[in-house]
C-alpha atoms as a PDB file:
ATOM      1  CA  MET A   1      -6.944 -11.590   6.676  1.00  0.00           C
ATOM      2  CA  SER A   2      -5.966 -15.268   6.619  1.00  0.00           C
ATOM      3  CA  ILE A   3      -2.573 -16.171   5.211  1.00  0.00           C
ATOM      4  CA  ILE A   4      -1.355 -19.682   4.415  1.00  0.00           C
ATOM      5  CA  VAL A   5       2.400 -19.935   3.939  1.00  0.00           C
ATOM      6  CA  GLU A   6       3.726 -22.983   2.109  1.00  0.00           C
ATOM      7  CA  ASN A   7       7.110 -21.432   1.285  1.00  0.00           C
ATOM      8  CA  GLY A   8       9.052 -20.516   4.423  1.00  0.00           C
ATOM      9  CA  GLU A   9      11.310 -18.218   2.402  1.00  0.00           C
ATOM     10  CA  SER A  10       8.371 -15.795   2.063  1.00  0.00           C
ATOM     11  CA  VAL A  11       7.904 -15.329   5.823  1.00  0.00           C
ATOM     12  CA  GLU A  12      10.480 -12.550   6.153  1.00  0.00           C
ATOM     13  CA  ARG A  13       8.791 -10.493   3.429  1.00  0.00           C
ATOM     14  CA  ILE A  14       5.330 -11.111   4.932  1.00  0.00           C
ATOM     15  CA  ASN A  15       6.573  -9.835   8.279  1.00  0.00           C
ATOM     16  CA  ALA A  16       8.083  -6.770   6.612  1.00  0.00           C
ATOM     17  CA  LEU A  17       4.809  -5.969   4.816  1.00  0.00           C
ATOM     18  CA  LEU A  18       2.806  -6.379   8.018  1.00  0.00           C
ATOM     19  CA  HIS A  19       5.289  -4.178   9.860  1.00  0.00           C
ATOM     20  CA  GLU A  20       4.918  -1.480   7.190  1.00  0.00           C
ATOM     21  CA  SER A  21       1.141  -1.589   7.783  1.00  0.00           C
ATOM     22  CA  GLY A  22       1.539  -1.735  11.550  1.00  0.00           C
ATOM     23  CA  GLU A  23      -0.634   1.317  12.163  1.00  0.00           C
ATOM     24  CA  TYR A  24      -3.629  -0.686  10.893  1.00  0.00           C
ATOM     25  CA  VAL A  25      -2.894  -4.018  12.580  1.00  0.00           C
ATOM     26  CA  ILE A  26      -5.131  -4.705  15.573  1.00  0.00           C
ATOM     27  CA  GLY A  27      -3.556  -8.087  16.234  1.00  0.00           C
ATOM     28  CA  ARG A  28      -2.057 -11.123  14.598  1.00  0.00           C
ATOM     29  CA  MET A  29      -1.597 -14.765  15.391  1.00  0.00           C
ATOM     30  CA  GLY A  30       0.768 -17.186  13.717  1.00  0.00           C
ATOM     31  CA  ILE A  31       0.389 -20.942  13.941  1.00  0.00           C
ATOM     32  CA  PRO A  32       3.145 -23.189  12.613  1.00  0.00           C
ATOM     33  CA  TYR A  33       1.603 -26.451  11.403  1.00  0.00           C
ATOM     34  CA  ARG A  34       4.753 -28.535  11.360  1.00  0.00           C
ATOM     35  CA  LYS A  35       2.997 -31.769  10.450  1.00  0.00           C
ATOM     36  CA  ARG A  36       2.034 -30.248   7.078  1.00  0.00           C
ATOM     37  CA  GLY A  37       5.015 -27.932   6.708  1.00  0.00           C
ATOM     38  CA  ILE A  38       2.919 -24.780   6.523  1.00  0.00           C
ATOM     39  CA  SER A  39       2.213 -21.722   8.652  1.00  0.00           C
ATOM     40  CA  ILE A  40      -1.158 -20.116   9.201  1.00  0.00           C
ATOM     41  CA  ILE A  41      -1.292 -16.413  10.002  1.00  0.00           C
ATOM     42  CA  SER A  42      -4.445 -14.570  11.019  1.00  0.00           C
ATOM     43  CA  VAL A  43      -4.369 -10.771  10.990  1.00  0.00           C
ATOM     44  CA  ALA A  44      -7.071  -8.386  12.219  1.00  0.00           C
ATOM     45  CA  LEU A  45      -6.919  -4.943  10.580  1.00  0.00           C
ATOM     46  CA  ASP A  46      -8.733  -1.652  10.985  1.00  0.00           C
ATOM     47  CA  ALA A  47      -8.063   0.145   7.711  1.00  0.00           C
ATOM     48  CA  PRO A  48      -9.782   1.445   4.592  1.00  0.00           C
ATOM     49  CA  GLN A  49     -10.837  -1.363   2.260  1.00  0.00           C
ATOM     50  CA  ASN A  50      -8.418  -0.254  -0.480  1.00  0.00           C
ATOM     51  CA  THR A  51      -5.514  -0.362   2.004  1.00  0.00           C
ATOM     52  CA  ILE A  52      -6.438  -3.899   3.076  1.00  0.00           C
ATOM     53  CA  ALA A  53      -6.855  -4.980  -0.550  1.00  0.00           C
ATOM     54  CA  ALA A  54      -3.442  -3.559  -1.486  1.00  0.00           C
ATOM     55  CA  LEU A  55      -1.752  -5.336   1.425  1.00  0.00           C
ATOM     56  CA  SER A  56      -3.548  -8.573   0.599  1.00  0.00           C
ATOM     57  CA  GLY A  57      -2.415  -8.309  -3.021  1.00  0.00           C
ATOM     58  CA  LYS A  58       1.221  -7.737  -2.064  1.00  0.00           C
ATOM     59  CA  ILE A  59       1.243 -10.656   0.355  1.00  0.00           C
ATOM     60  CA  GLY A  60      -0.673 -12.926  -2.021  1.00  0.00           C
ATOM     61  CA  SER A  61       1.830 -12.296  -4.820  1.00  0.00           C
ATOM     62  CA  LEU A  62       4.661 -13.846  -2.802  1.00  0.00           C
ATOM     63  CA  PRO A  63       5.769 -17.362  -3.780  1.00  0.00           C
ATOM     64  CA  GLY A  64       3.949 -20.127  -1.902  1.00  0.00           C
ATOM     65  CA  VAL A  65       1.529 -17.770  -0.143  1.00  0.00           C
ATOM     66  CA  SER A  66      -2.285 -17.730  -0.273  1.00  0.00           C
ATOM     67  CA  VAL A  67      -4.441 -14.956   1.203  1.00  0.00           C
ATOM     68  CA  LYS A  68      -8.154 -14.622   1.855  1.00  0.00           C
ATOM     69  CA  THR A  69      -9.720 -11.473   3.238  1.00  0.00           C
ATOM     70  CA  ALA A  70     -13.101 -10.969   4.862  1.00  0.00           C
ATOM     71  CA  TYR A  71     -14.578  -7.546   5.502  1.00  0.00           C
ATOM     72  CA  SER A  72     -17.069  -6.526   8.170  1.00  0.00           C
ATOM     73  CA  GLY A  73     -20.168  -4.512   7.393  1.00  0.00           C
ATOM     74  CA  VAL A  74     -18.732  -1.522   9.232  1.00  0.00           C
ATOM     75  CA  THR A  75     -18.057   1.126   6.592  1.00  0.00           C
ATOM     76  CA  ALA A  76     -16.677   4.100   8.500  1.00  0.00           C
ATOM     77  CA  TYR A  77     -12.944   4.155   9.063  1.00  0.00           C
ATOM     78  CA  GLU A  78     -11.598   6.550  11.689  1.00  0.00           C
END
């Protein structure tokens, strides 16, 4: 999941949502791009597709936040 944050006020809620889904998070990396006033967050998840889609929808509905999600071809979730 790639997250672009243009509104810094949304960061706290993003962190809370990611924390709530912590059991699925493999890793995450945040990059503040100060020159442009945005933050870029990359999150690797191991979760059912509907769980990832729900999280993506919640994060993407926050003000000033854009989300794109890519899925691997691996279909079995354990």
